C-alpha atoms as a PDB file:
ATOM      1  CA  MET A   1       0.000   0.000   0.000  1.00  0.00           C
ATOM      2  CA  ARG A   2       2.849   2.360   0.861  1.00  0.00           C
ATOM      3  CA  VAL A   3       4.511   1.609  -2.451  1.00  0.00           C
ATOM      4  CA  ILE A   4       1.335   2.524  -4.359  1.00  0.00           C
ATOM      5  CA  LYS A   5       0.990   5.732  -2.367  1.00  0.00           C
ATOM      6  CA  PHE A   6       4.620   6.616  -3.026  1.00  0.00           C
ATOM      7  CA  ILE A   7       4.218   6.045  -6.775  1.00  0.00           C
ATOM      8  CA  ALA A   8       1.050   8.179  -6.815  1.00  0.00           C
ATOM      9  CA  LEU A   9       2.834  11.006  -4.987  1.00  0.00           C
ATOM     10  CA  LEU A  10       5.805  10.741  -7.343  1.00  0.00           C
ATOM     11  CA  LEU A  11       3.582  10.944 -10.409  1.00  0.00           C
ATOM     12  CA  ALA A  12       1.737  13.924  -8.944  1.00  0.00           C
ATOM     13  CA  ALA A  13       5.055  15.654  -8.286  1.00  0.00           C
ATOM     14  CA  LEU A  14       6.173  15.028 -11.862  1.00  0.00           C
ATOM     15  CA  VAL A  15       2.930  16.493 -13.222  1.00  0.00           C
ATOM     16  CA  VAL A  16       3.321  19.590 -11.047  1.00  0.00           C
ATOM     17  CA  ALA A  17       6.949  19.950 -12.146  1.00  0.00           C
ATOM     18  CA  ALA A  18       5.968  19.657 -15.816  1.00  0.00           C
ATOM     19  CA  ILE A  19       3.261  22.314 -15.426  1.00  0.00           C
ATOM     20  CA  ALA A  20       5.688  24.581 -13.594  1.00  0.00           C
ATOM     21  CA  LEU A  21       8.266  24.134 -16.366  1.00  0.00           C
ATOM     22  CA  VAL A  22       5.730  25.295 -18.973  1.00  0.00           C
ATOM     23  CA  TYR A  23       5.193  28.576 -17.126  1.00  0.00           C
ATOM     24  CA  VAL A  24       8.668  29.162 -15.685  1.00  0.00           C
ATOM     25  CA  ALA A  25      10.737  28.058 -18.694  1.00  0.00           C
ATOM     26  CA  PRO A  26       8.419  27.751 -21.727  1.00  0.00           C
ATOM     27  CA  GLU A  27      11.333  27.643 -24.197  1.00  0.00           C
ATOM     28  CA  SER A  28      12.728  24.564 -22.476  1.00  0.00           C
ATOM     29  CA  ALA A  29       9.267  23.030 -22.224  1.00  0.00           C
ATOM     30  CA  LEU A  30       8.695  23.544 -25.947  1.00  0.00           C
ATOM     31  CA  ARG A  31      12.058  21.997 -26.849  1.00  0.00           C
ATOM     32  CA  TRP A  32      11.245  19.005 -24.639  1.00  0.00           C
ATOM     33  CA  ALA A  33       7.793  18.616 -26.210  1.00  0.00           C
ATOM     34  CA  MET A  34       9.181  18.788 -29.754  1.00  0.00           C
ATOM     35  CA  ALA A  35      11.939  16.321 -28.898  1.00  0.00           C
ATOM     36  CA  ALA A  36       9.353  13.926 -27.462  1.00  0.00           C
ATOM     37  CA  GLU A  37       7.192  14.188 -30.600  1.00  0.00           C
ATOM     38  CA  ARG A  38      10.180  13.554 -32.843  1.00  0.00           C
ATOM     39  CA  GLN A  39      11.218  10.541 -30.794  1.00  0.00           C
ATOM     40  CA  ARG A  40       7.726   9.038 -30.961  1.00  0.00           C
ATOM     41  CA  ALA A  41       7.775   9.546 -34.723  1.00  0.00           C
ATOM     42  CA  GLY A  42      11.232   7.983 -35.081  1.00  0.00           C
ATOM     43  CA  LEU A  43      12.634  11.215 -36.514  1.00  0.00           C
ATOM     44  CA  GLU A  44      16.153  12.510 -35.991  1.00  0.00           C
ATOM     45  CA  ARG A  45      17.350  16.084 -36.559  1.00  0.00           C
ATOM     46  CA  LYS A  46      20.086  16.358 -39.198  1.00  0.00           C
ATOM     47  CA  GLU A  47      21.687  19.086 -41.259  1.00  0.00           C
ATOM     48  CA  ILE A  48      23.517  19.357 -44.555  1.00  0.00           C
ATOM     49  CA  GLU A  49      25.296  22.083 -46.503  1.00  0.00           C
ATOM     50  CA  LEU A  50      24.746  21.943 -50.252  1.00  0.00           C
ATOM     51  CA  PRO A  51      27.329  23.033 -52.815  1.00  0.00           C
ATOM     52  CA  GLY A  52      27.298  26.814 -52.716  1.00  0.00           C
ATOM     53  CA  GLY A  53      26.924  26.889 -48.944  1.00  0.00           C
ATOM     54  CA  LEU A  54      23.144  26.614 -48.586  1.00  0.00           C
ATOM     55  CA  LYS A  55      22.272  25.027 -45.235  1.00  0.00           C
ATOM     56  CA  TYR A  56      19.293  22.726 -44.744  1.00  0.00           C
ATOM     57  CA  VAL A  57      18.156  21.373 -41.384  1.00  0.00           C
ATOM     58  CA  TYR A  58      15.801  18.426 -41.664  1.00  0.00           C
ATOM     59  CA  LEU A  59      14.196  15.535 -39.820  1.00  0.00           C
ATOM     60  CA  GLU A  60      14.677  11.983 -41.065  1.00  0.00           C
ATOM     61  CA  GLY A  61      13.458   8.579 -39.976  1.00  0.00           C
ATOM     62  CA  GLY A  62      12.328   5.205 -41.253  1.00  0.00           C
ATOM     63  CA  LYS A  63      13.501   3.063 -44.150  1.00  0.00           C
ATOM     64  CA  GLY A  64      12.259   2.331 -47.634  1.00  0.00           C
ATOM     65  CA  GLU A  65      11.247   4.595 -50.482  1.00  0.00           C
ATOM     66  CA  PRO A  66      11.910   8.268 -49.732  1.00  0.00           C
ATOM     67  CA  LEU A  67       8.953  10.474 -48.837  1.00  0.00           C
ATOM     68  CA  MET A  68       9.806  14.181 -48.658  1.00  0.00           C
ATOM     69  CA  LEU A  69       7.331  16.420 -46.844  1.00  0.00           C
ATOM     70  CA  PHE A  70       7.242  20.210 -47.243  1.00  0.00           C
ATOM     71  CA  HIS A  71       5.676  22.480 -44.619  1.00  0.00           C
ATOM     72  CA  GLY A  72       3.550  25.552 -45.245  1.00  0.00           C
ATOM     73  CA  PHE A  73       4.072  29.296 -44.996  1.00  0.00           C
ATOM     74  CA  GLY A  74       5.334  30.437 -41.594  1.00  0.00           C
ATOM     75  CA  ALA A  75       5.627  26.846 -40.374  1.00  0.00           C
ATOM     76  CA  ASN A  76       8.566  24.456 -39.965  1.00  0.00           C
ATOM     77  CA  LYS A  77       9.526  20.800 -40.156  1.00  0.00           C
ATOM     78  CA  ASP A  78       7.812  19.933 -36.853  1.00  0.00           C
ATOM     79  CA  ASN A  79       4.389  20.410 -38.464  1.00  0.00           C
ATOM     80  CA  PHE A  80       4.642  16.789 -39.640  1.00  0.00           C
ATOM     81  CA  ASN A  81       5.747  15.179 -36.365  1.00  0.00           C
ATOM     82  CA  ARG A  82       2.309  13.921 -35.372  1.00  0.00           C
ATOM     83  CA  VAL A  83       1.468  12.317 -38.709  1.00  0.00           C
ATOM     84  CA  ALA A  84       5.010  11.002 -39.271  1.00  0.00           C
ATOM     85  CA  GLN A  85       4.578   8.608 -36.359  1.00  0.00           C
ATOM     86  CA  SER A  86       2.431   6.458 -38.663  1.00  0.00           C
ATOM     87  CA  LEU A  87       4.609   6.964 -41.747  1.00  0.00           C
ATOM     88  CA  THR A  88       8.140   6.072 -40.617  1.00  0.00           C
ATOM     89  CA  PRO A  89       7.275   2.360 -40.185  1.00  0.00           C
ATOM     90  CA  HIS A  90       6.657   2.263 -43.951  1.00  0.00           C
ATOM     91  CA  TRP A  91       9.014   4.738 -45.632  1.00  0.00           C
ATOM     92  CA  ARG A  92      12.117   6.853 -45.284  1.00  0.00           C
ATOM     93  CA  VAL A  93      10.575  10.165 -44.250  1.00  0.00           C
ATOM     94  CA  ILE A  94      12.536  13.387 -44.869  1.00  0.00           C
ATOM     95  CA  VAL A  95      11.105  16.672 -43.589  1.00  0.00           C
ATOM     96  CA  PRO A  96      13.222  19.777 -44.217  1.00  0.00           C
ATOM     97  CA  ASP A  97      12.845  23.292 -42.936  1.00  0.00           C
ATOM     98  CA  LEU A  98      12.332  25.113 -46.210  1.00  0.00           C
ATOM     99  CA  VAL A  99      14.847  27.837 -46.972  1.00  0.00           C
ATOM    100  CA  GLY A 100      13.614  31.013 -45.296  1.00  0.00           C
ATOM    101  CA  PHE A 101      12.006  29.175 -42.377  1.00  0.00           C
ATOM    102  CA  GLY A 102      12.940  27.264 -39.243  1.00  0.00           C
ATOM    103  CA  GLU A 103      16.594  26.366 -38.816  1.00  0.00           C
ATOM    104  CA  SER A 104      17.526  26.319 -42.504  1.00  0.00           C
ATOM    105  CA  ALA A 105      19.272  29.205 -44.257  1.00  0.00           C
ATOM    106  CA  HIS A 106      17.484  32.572 -44.471  1.00  0.00           C
ATOM    107  CA  PRO A 107      19.174  34.372 -47.392  1.00  0.00           C
ATOM    108  CA  PRO A 108      17.459  37.794 -47.457  1.00  0.00           C
ATOM    109  CA  GLU A 109      17.700  38.413 -51.204  1.00  0.00           C
ATOM    110  CA  ALA A 110      16.994  34.887 -52.473  1.00  0.00           C
ATOM    111  CA  ASP A 111      14.287  33.936 -54.939  1.00  0.00           C
ATOM    112  CA  TYR A 112      11.487  32.387 -52.844  1.00  0.00           C
ATOM    113  CA  SER A 113       9.096  31.573 -55.670  1.00  0.00           C
ATOM    114  CA  PRO A 114       7.714  28.018 -55.619  1.00  0.00           C
ATOM    115  CA  SER A 115       9.809  27.108 -58.668  1.00  0.00           C
ATOM    116  CA  ALA A 116      13.026  28.349 -57.023  1.00  0.00           C
ATOM    117  CA  GLN A 117      12.218  26.496 -53.797  1.00  0.00           C
ATOM    118  CA  ALA A 118      11.515  23.369 -55.848  1.00  0.00           C
ATOM    119  CA  GLU A 119      14.917  23.594 -57.514  1.00  0.00           C
ATOM    120  CA  ARG A 120      16.647  23.869 -54.132  1.00  0.00           C
ATOM    121  CA  LEU A 121      14.666  20.943 -52.754  1.00  0.00           C
ATOM    122  CA  ARG A 122      15.543  18.840 -55.784  1.00  0.00           C
ATOM    123  CA  ALA A 123      19.212  19.566 -55.061  1.00  0.00           C
ATOM    124  CA  LEU A 124      18.604  18.482 -51.463  1.00  0.00           C
ATOM    125  CA  ALA A 125      16.873  15.285 -52.598  1.00  0.00           C
ATOM    126  CA  HIS A 126      19.793  14.361 -54.842  1.00  0.00           C
ATOM    127  CA  ALA A 127      22.304  15.165 -52.086  1.00  0.00           C
ATOM    128  CA  LEU A 128      20.428  12.814 -49.739  1.00  0.00           C
ATOM    129  CA  GLY A 129      20.292   9.983 -52.279  1.00  0.00           C
ATOM    130  CA  ALA A 130      16.556  10.468 -52.867  1.00  0.00           C
ATOM    131  CA  ALA A 131      16.561  11.390 -56.552  1.00  0.00           C
ATOM    132  CA  ARG A 132      13.089   9.881 -57.207  1.00  0.00           C
ATOM    133  CA  PRO A 133      11.049  10.677 -54.126  1.00  0.00           C
ATOM    134  CA  HIS A 134       7.384  10.680 -53.285  1.00  0.00           C
ATOM    135  CA  LEU A 135       6.490  14.251 -52.339  1.00  0.00           C
ATOM    136  CA  GLY A 136       4.002  15.687 -49.891  1.00  0.00           C
ATOM    137  CA  GLY A 137       3.273  19.245 -48.959  1.00  0.00           C
ATOM    138  CA  SER A 138       0.961  21.399 -46.880  1.00  0.00           C
ATOM    139  CA  SER A 139      -0.315  24.742 -48.216  1.00  0.00           C
ATOM    140  CA  MET A 140       2.781  26.542 -49.570  1.00  0.00           C
ATOM    141  CA  GLY A 141       4.611  23.208 -49.355  1.00  0.00           C
ATOM    142  CA  GLY A 142       1.972  21.621 -51.573  1.00  0.00           C
ATOM    143  CA  HIS A 143       2.389  24.467 -54.050  1.00  0.00           C
ATOM    144  CA  ILE A 144       6.138  23.792 -54.112  1.00  0.00           C
ATOM    145  CA  ALA A 145       5.588  20.036 -54.500  1.00  0.00           C
ATOM    146  CA  LEU A 146       3.346  20.731 -57.514  1.00  0.00           C
ATOM    147  CA  ALA A 147       5.994  23.003 -59.044  1.00  0.00           C
ATOM    148  CA  TYR A 148       8.620  20.270 -58.501  1.00  0.00           C
ATOM    149  CA  ALA A 149       6.471  17.567 -60.109  1.00  0.00           C
ATOM    150  CA  ALA A 150       5.448  19.790 -63.019  1.00  0.00           C
ATOM    151  CA  ARG A 151       9.079  20.538 -63.857  1.00  0.00           C
ATOM    152  CA  TYR A 152      10.451  17.036 -63.190  1.00  0.00           C
ATOM    153  CA  PRO A 153       7.527  14.627 -63.701  1.00  0.00           C
ATOM    154  CA  GLN A 154       9.798  11.625 -64.277  1.00  0.00           C
ATOM    155  CA  GLU A 155      11.465  12.115 -60.902  1.00  0.00           C
ATOM    156  CA  VAL A 156       8.356  12.358 -58.696  1.00  0.00           C
ATOM    157  CA  LYS A 157       6.635   9.060 -57.956  1.00  0.00           C
ATOM    158  CA  SER A 158       3.523  10.472 -56.292  1.00  0.00           C
ATOM    159  CA  LEU A 159       2.105  13.577 -54.630  1.00  0.00           C
ATOM    160  CA  TRP A 160       0.326  14.092 -51.306  1.00  0.00           C
ATOM    161  CA  LEU A 161      -1.243  17.546 -51.533  1.00  0.00           C
ATOM    162  CA  ILE A 162      -2.647  18.861 -48.256  1.00  0.00           C
ATOM    163  CA  SER A 163      -4.636  22.065 -48.894  1.00  0.00           C
ATOM    164  CA  PRO A 164      -2.050  23.199 -51.459  1.00  0.00           C
ATOM    165  CA  ALA A 165      -1.716  26.833 -52.466  1.00  0.00           C
ATOM    166  CA  GLY A 166      -1.284  27.963 -56.060  1.00  0.00           C
ATOM    167  CA  VAL A 167      -4.839  27.442 -57.377  1.00  0.00           C
ATOM    168  CA  ARG A 168      -5.437  31.080 -58.266  1.00  0.00           C
ATOM    169  CA  SER A 169      -8.793  30.588 -60.007  1.00  0.00           C
ATOM    170  CA  ALA A 170     -10.417  29.345 -56.775  1.00  0.00           C
ATOM    171  CA  PRO A 171     -12.952  31.576 -54.992  1.00  0.00           C
ATOM    172  CA  GLU A 172     -11.608  33.953 -52.391  1.00  0.00           C
ATOM    173  CA  SER A 173     -10.968  32.503 -48.952  1.00  0.00           C
ATOM    174  CA  GLU A 174     -11.820  34.127 -45.636  1.00  0.00           C
ATOM    175  CA  ALA A 175      -8.156  34.995 -45.122  1.00  0.00           C
ATOM    176  CA  GLY A 176      -7.983  36.486 -48.614  1.00  0.00           C
ATOM    177  CA  LYS A 177     -11.031  38.628 -47.939  1.00  0.00           C
ATOM    178  CA  ILE A 178      -9.495  39.988 -44.729  1.00  0.00           C
ATOM    179  CA  LEU A 179      -6.300  40.855 -46.611  1.00  0.00           C
ATOM    180  CA  ARG A 180      -8.209  42.573 -49.419  1.00  0.00           C
ATOM    181  CA  GLU A 181     -10.548  44.563 -47.176  1.00  0.00           C
ATOM    182  CA  THR A 182      -8.162  45.574 -44.403  1.00  0.00           C
ATOM    183  CA  GLY A 183      -4.687  45.314 -45.889  1.00  0.00           C
ATOM    184  CA  ARG A 184      -3.702  43.105 -42.946  1.00  0.00           C
ATOM    185  CA  ASN A 185      -2.428  39.636 -43.738  1.00  0.00           C
ATOM    186  CA  PRO A 186      -4.107  37.311 -41.204  1.00  0.00           C
ATOM    187  CA  LEU A 187      -1.415  34.676 -41.851  1.00  0.00           C
ATOM    188  CA  MET A 188       1.381  37.000 -40.705  1.00  0.00           C
ATOM    189  CA  ALA A 189       2.318  37.636 -37.064  1.00  0.00           C
ATOM    190  CA  ARG A 190       3.993  40.742 -35.687  1.00  0.00           C
ATOM    191  CA  SER A 191       2.731  40.196 -32.138  1.00  0.00           C
ATOM    192  CA  GLU A 192       1.757  37.319 -29.832  1.00  0.00           C
ATOM    193  CA  ALA A 193      -1.898  38.285 -30.237  1.00  0.00           C
ATOM    194  CA  GLU A 194      -1.711  38.097 -34.033  1.00  0.00           C
ATOM    195  CA  PHE A 195      -0.045  34.690 -33.810  1.00  0.00           C
ATOM    196  CA  ALA A 196      -2.895  33.395 -31.627  1.00  0.00           C
ATOM    197  CA  GLN A 197      -5.311  34.588 -34.309  1.00  0.00           C
ATOM    198  CA  ILE A 198      -3.383  32.614 -36.932  1.00  0.00           C
ATOM    199  CA  PHE A 199      -4.074  29.443 -34.931  1.00  0.00           C
ATOM    200  CA  GLU A 200      -7.795  30.220 -35.162  1.00  0.00           C
ATOM    201  CA  ILE A 201      -7.618  30.850 -38.907  1.00  0.00           C
ATOM    202  CA  VAL A 202      -5.642  27.758 -39.914  1.00  0.00           C
ATOM    203  CA  MET A 203      -7.158  25.082 -37.665  1.00  0.00           C
ATOM    204  CA  ALA A 204     -10.725  24.127 -36.827  1.00  0.00           C
ATOM    205  CA  GLU A 205      -9.523  21.518 -34.305  1.00  0.00           C
ATOM    206  CA  PRO A 206      -6.111  22.690 -33.059  1.00  0.00           C
ATOM    207  CA  PRO A 207      -4.151  20.609 -30.557  1.00  0.00           C
ATOM    208  CA  PHE A 208      -3.775  22.136 -27.110  1.00  0.00           C
ATOM    209  CA  VAL A 209      -0.746  24.401 -26.719  1.00  0.00           C
ATOM    210  CA  SER A 210      -0.299  26.369 -23.495  1.00  0.00           C
ATOM    211  CA  GLY A 211      -0.229  30.154 -23.643  1.00  0.00           C
ATOM    212  CA  PRO A 212       3.463  30.493 -22.693  1.00  0.00           C
ATOM    213  CA  MET A 213       4.529  27.907 -25.296  1.00  0.00           C
ATOM    214  CA  LEU A 214       2.334  29.601 -27.895  1.00  0.00           C
ATOM    215  CA  ASP A 215       4.164  32.864 -27.167  1.00  0.00           C
ATOM    216  CA  VAL A 216       7.521  31.139 -27.758  1.00  0.00           C
ATOM    217  CA  LEU A 217       6.290  29.972 -31.173  1.00  0.00           C
ATOM    218  CA  ALA A 218       5.010  33.473 -31.855  1.00  0.00           C
ATOM    219  CA  ARG A 219       8.373  35.079 -31.194  1.00  0.00           C
ATOM    220  CA  GLU A 220       9.990  32.952 -33.916  1.00  0.00           C
ATOM    221  CA  ARG A 221       7.391  34.191 -36.417  1.00  0.00           C
ATOM    222  CA  ILE A 222       7.813  37.790 -35.269  1.00  0.00           C
ATOM    223  CA  ARG A 223      11.586  37.651 -35.750  1.00  0.00           C
ATOM    224  CA  ASN A 224      11.095  36.372 -39.297  1.00  0.00           C
ATOM    225  CA  ALA A 225       8.231  38.735 -40.210  1.00  0.00           C
ATOM    226  CA  ALA A 226      10.131  40.955 -42.660  1.00  0.00           C
ATOM    227  CA  LEU A 227      11.412  37.995 -44.677  1.00  0.00           C
ATOM    228  CA  GLU A 228       8.037  36.243 -44.516  1.00  0.00           C
ATOM    229  CA  GLU A 229       6.361  39.322 -45.987  1.00  0.00           C
ATOM    230  CA  ARG A 230       8.750  39.220 -48.932  1.00  0.00           C
ATOM    231  CA  ILE A 231       8.196  35.477 -49.386  1.00  0.00           C
ATOM    232  CA  PHE A 232       4.417  35.903 -49.271  1.00  0.00           C
ATOM    233  CA  GLN A 233       4.534  38.492 -52.054  1.00  0.00           C
ATOM    234  CA  GLN A 234       6.478  36.089 -54.269  1.00  0.00           C
ATOM    235  CA  LEU A 235       4.047  33.257 -53.569  1.00  0.00           C
ATOM    236  CA  GLY A 236       0.944  35.310 -54.299  1.00  0.00           C
ATOM    237  CA  GLY A 237       1.795  35.951 -57.913  1.00  0.00           C
ATOM    238  CA  ASP A 238       2.304  32.317 -58.870  1.00  0.00           C
ATOM    239  CA  SER A 239      -0.446  30.084 -60.264  1.00  0.00           C
ATOM    240  CA  VAL A 240       0.384  26.434 -60.748  1.00  0.00           C
ATOM    241  CA  GLU A 241      -2.762  25.453 -62.631  1.00  0.00           C
ATOM    242  CA  ALA A 242      -1.478  25.683 -66.208  1.00  0.00           C
ATOM    243  CA  ARG A 243       1.681  23.792 -65.287  1.00  0.00           C
ATOM    244  CA  VAL A 244      -0.137  20.813 -63.716  1.00  0.00           C
ATOM    245  CA  ALA A 245      -3.002  20.495 -66.198  1.00  0.00           C
ATOM    246  CA  GLY A 246      -2.832  16.917 -67.441  1.00  0.00           C
ATOM    247  CA  LEU A 247      -0.001  15.957 -65.072  1.00  0.00           C
ATOM    248  CA  ALA A 248      -0.161  12.163 -64.802  1.00  0.00           C
ATOM    249  CA  THR A 249       1.624  11.831 -61.454  1.00  0.00           C
ATOM    250  CA  PRO A 250      -0.572   9.888 -58.989  1.00  0.00           C
ATOM    251  CA  ALA A 251      -1.791  12.394 -56.423  1.00  0.00           C
ATOM    252  CA  LEU A 252      -3.846  12.395 -53.238  1.00  0.00           C
ATOM    253  CA  ILE A 253      -5.481  15.768 -52.623  1.00  0.00           C
ATOM    254  CA  VAL A 254      -6.685  16.334 -49.056  1.00  0.00           C
ATOM    255  CA  TRP A 255      -8.634  19.383 -47.927  1.00  0.00           C
ATOM    256  CA  GLY A 256     -10.399  20.388 -44.738  1.00  0.00           C
ATOM    257  CA  GLU A 257     -13.990  21.415 -45.369  1.00  0.00           C
ATOM    258  CA  GLN A 258     -13.680  24.258 -42.826  1.00  0.00           C
ATOM    259  CA  ASP A 259     -10.475  25.699 -44.359  1.00  0.00           C
ATOM    260  CA  ARG A 260     -10.429  29.479 -43.791  1.00  0.00           C
ATOM    261  CA  ALA A 261      -6.952  30.081 -45.235  1.00  0.00           C
ATOM    262  CA  LEU A 262      -7.592  28.646 -48.729  1.00  0.00           C
ATOM    263  CA  ASN A 263     -11.030  28.071 -50.208  1.00  0.00           C
ATOM    264  CA  VAL A 264     -11.931  24.368 -50.258  1.00  0.00           C
ATOM    265  CA  ALA A 265     -13.347  24.838 -53.778  1.00  0.00           C
ATOM    266  CA  ALA A 266      -9.732  24.799 -54.975  1.00  0.00           C
ATOM    267  CA  ALA A 267      -9.703  21.067 -54.227  1.00  0.00           C
ATOM    268  CA  GLY A 268     -12.195  20.266 -56.979  1.00  0.00           C
ATOM    269  CA  ILE A 269     -10.410  22.535 -59.456  1.00  0.00           C
ATOM    270  CA  LEU A 270      -7.091  20.799 -58.873  1.00  0.00           C
ATOM    271  CA  HIS A 271      -8.709  17.362 -58.935  1.00  0.00           C
ATOM    272  CA  LYS A 272     -10.121  18.019 -62.413  1.00  0.00           C
ATOM    273  CA  LEU A 273      -6.769  19.260 -63.697  1.00  0.00           C
ATOM    274  CA  MET A 274      -4.855  16.147 -62.586  1.00  0.00           C
ATOM    275  CA  PRO A 275      -6.168  12.953 -64.233  1.00  0.00           C
ATOM    276  CA  GLN A 276      -4.519  10.542 -61.752  1.00  0.00           C
ATOM    277  CA  SER A 277      -5.627  12.403 -58.626  1.00  0.00           C
ATOM    278  CA  LYS A 278      -7.945  11.344 -55.828  1.00  0.00           C
ATOM    279  CA  LEU A 279      -9.663  13.843 -53.549  1.00  0.00           C
ATOM    280  CA  ILE A 280     -10.598  13.583 -49.891  1.00  0.00           C
ATOM    281  CA  VAL A 281     -12.526  16.374 -48.157  1.00  0.00           C
ATOM    282  CA  MET A 282     -12.467  16.126 -44.363  1.00  0.00           C
ATOM    283  CA  PRO A 283     -15.587  17.495 -42.630  1.00  0.00           C
ATOM    284  CA  GLY A 284     -15.043  19.688 -39.587  1.00  0.00           C
ATOM    285  CA  ILE A 285     -11.320  20.145 -40.345  1.00  0.00           C
ATOM    286  CA  GLY A 286      -9.435  23.317 -41.224  1.00  0.00           C
ATOM    287  CA  HIS A 287      -6.302  24.090 -43.196  1.00  0.00           C
ATOM    288  CA  LEU A 288      -3.950  21.590 -41.499  1.00  0.00           C
ATOM    289  CA  PRO A 289      -5.469  18.080 -41.528  1.00  0.00           C
ATOM    290  CA  MET A 290      -2.141  16.395 -40.700  1.00  0.00           C
ATOM    291  CA  ILE A 291      -2.074  18.284 -37.371  1.00  0.00           C
ATOM    292  CA  GLU A 292      -5.799  18.310 -36.643  1.00  0.00           C
ATOM    293  CA  ARG A 293      -6.387  14.651 -37.577  1.00  0.00           C
ATOM    294  CA  PRO A 294      -2.954  13.009 -37.843  1.00  0.00           C
ATOM    295  CA  GLN A 295      -4.151   9.414 -37.571  1.00  0.00           C
ATOM    296  CA  GLN A 296      -6.879   9.793 -40.178  1.00  0.00           C
ATOM    297  CA  SER A 297      -4.525  11.703 -42.479  1.00  0.00           C
ATOM    298  CA  ALA A 298      -1.917   8.961 -42.205  1.00  0.00           C
ATOM    299  CA  GLU A 299      -4.438   6.178 -42.811  1.00  0.00           C
ATOM    300  CA  ASP A 300      -5.754   7.909 -45.918  1.00  0.00           C
ATOM    301  CA  TYR A 301      -2.248   8.379 -47.277  1.00  0.00           C
ATOM    302  CA  ILE A 302      -1.178   4.809 -46.497  1.00  0.00           C
ATOM    303  CA  GLY A 303      -4.305   3.581 -48.272  1.00  0.00           C
ATOM    304  CA  PHE A 304      -3.536   5.750 -51.292  1.00  0.00           C
ATOM    305  CA  ARG A 305      -0.003   4.387 -51.515  1.00  0.00           C
ATOM    306  CA  ALA A 306      -1.212   0.807 -51.119  1.00  0.00           C
ATOM    307  CA  VAL A 307      -3.591   1.135 -54.077  1.00  0.00           C
ATOM    308  CA  GLN A 308      -0.723   2.361 -56.259  1.00  0.00           C
ATOM    309  CA  TYR A 309       1.051  -0.968 -55.930  1.00  0.00           C
ATOM    310  CA  ARG A 310      -1.853  -3.404 -56.192  1.00  0.00           C
ATOM    311  CA  PRO A 311      -2.430  -5.435 -59.382  1.00  0.00           C
ATOM    312  CA  ALA A 312      -5.321  -4.212 -61.526  1.00  0.00           C
ATOM    313  CA  ARG A 313      -7.763  -6.913 -60.334  1.00  0.00           C
ATOM    314  CA  GLY A 314      -6.766  -6.340 -56.752  1.00  0.00           C
ATOM    315  CA  ARG A 315      -7.507  -2.665 -57.095  1.00  0.00           C
ATOM    316  CA  VAL A 316     -11.103  -3.293 -58.098  1.00  0.00           C
ATOM    317  CA  ALA A 317     -11.693  -5.667 -55.212  1.00  0.00           C
ATOM    318  CA  ALA A 318      -9.891  -3.460 -52.758  1.00  0.00           C
ATOM    319  CA  ALA A 319     -11.833  -0.400 -53.863  1.00  0.00           C
ATOM    320  CA  GLY A 320     -15.104  -2.184 -53.210  1.00  0.00           C
ATOM    321  CA  THR A 321     -13.921  -3.312 -49.796  1.00  0.00           C
ATOM    322  CA  ASN A 322     -12.722   0.187 -48.980  1.00  0.00           C
ATOM    323  CA  ARG A 323     -16.051   1.751 -49.924  1.00  0.00           C
ATOM    324  CA  SER A 324     -17.872  -0.724 -47.708  1.00  0.00           C
ATOM    325  CA  SER A 325     -15.641  -0.078 -44.733  1.00  0.00           C
ATOM    326  CA  ARG A 326     -15.921   3.687 -45.224  1.00  0.00           C
ATOM    327  CA  ARG A 327     -19.712   3.489 -45.247  1.00  0.00           C
ATOM    328  CA  LYS A 328     -19.575   1.713 -41.911  1.00  0.00           C
ATOM    329  CA  SER A 329     -17.360   4.447 -40.494  1.00  0.00           C
ATOM    330  CA  GLY A 330     -19.708   7.224 -41.640  1.00  0.00           C
ATOM    331  CA  SER A 331     -17.857   8.564 -44.689  1.00  0.00           C
ATOM    332  CA  THR A 332     -19.589   9.564 -47.906  1.00  0.00           C
ATOM    333  CA  MET A 333     -18.691   9.894 -51.557  1.00  0.00           C
ATOM    334  CA  CYS A 334     -18.486  13.282 -53.267  1.00  0.00           C
ATOM    335  CA  ARG A 335     -20.503  12.353 -56.337  1.00  0.00           C
ATOM    336  CA  PRO A 336     -19.754  15.427 -58.502  1.00  0.00           C
ATOM    337  CA  CYS A 337     -16.002  14.760 -58.530  1.00  0.00           C
ATOM    338  CA  GLY A 338     -15.858  11.048 -57.763  1.00  0.00           C
ATOM    339  CA  SER A 339     -13.930  11.736 -54.598  1.00  0.00           C
ATOM    340  CA  ARG A 340     -14.818  10.904 -51.061  1.00  0.00           C
ATOM    341  CA  ARG A 341     -15.290  12.688 -47.812  1.00  0.00           C
ATOM    342  CA  SER A 342     -13.219  11.383 -44.963  1.00  0.00           C
ATOM    343  CA  PRO A 343     -15.084  10.695 -41.716  1.00  0.00           C
ATOM    344  CA  GLY A 344     -15.031  13.590 -39.307  1.00  0.00           C
END
């Protein structure tokens, strides 16, 4: 009985200490939390300097075919930690900080257009022995992945496009309307309060992050605000639609139905442009499905990859089985585009 009581007291003390750490030393608490997420995902921090001196910091874990994942605007490599936990058992996962963000190089006068970023990432892929990768990207990262595949279609085995930017013909989003009407970019942060508002814009179901740790994340964005503004201007003028029309690369397009950053109607536009694409719309989810619903996002992607490698007859049977199982779990088909809605 005393042993049980001692263990209970010890656990209580550890909880109190962890809570105290969050408020007394939030930077340390955030580093610990990120390290724990990376460890659970089997990811290790690495860095490389490319010819010419460009530094990339990236996470890597798992074995098998290379899967490179590109984060969105204002984000960093840790955006994929939660979903990577289900991916590293299957593939070699590589998640870089894109140039201009996170721990990678921040050259102030560089070209940050999606095409230029794609060229740099291709150089990184070749340097890491991943010359023919599968690519995935969120928002800006999806835009860059599309630019990469459009320019080098023979080198990209498949695409995982999570609310990708670059579909300029789509209706205006809520964030776009705010920018147009007020001149304030709701995806940029120059204060802790503005960063908290970004969380509300980009996620319908955000994970819990304490106020002090949120402020630590905000300060990183604030320090990078001037460069981010320049990057955003270069992104805004680029439409990827003409370049990907007819692109035969197998692609899984995933979009949150409650996306306020980019209009979900862009999903159907992109789906029609890419003949080998499949579309999943996730009810109740915002702009970052891989953070809001990491397990569901991973299962959908694993299923997509599995279908790619099944024999033709197996695909028909498997598709029927998949539809049946999805009906049981409450998902529905999007009849106009032949895509499906993932269960909320």
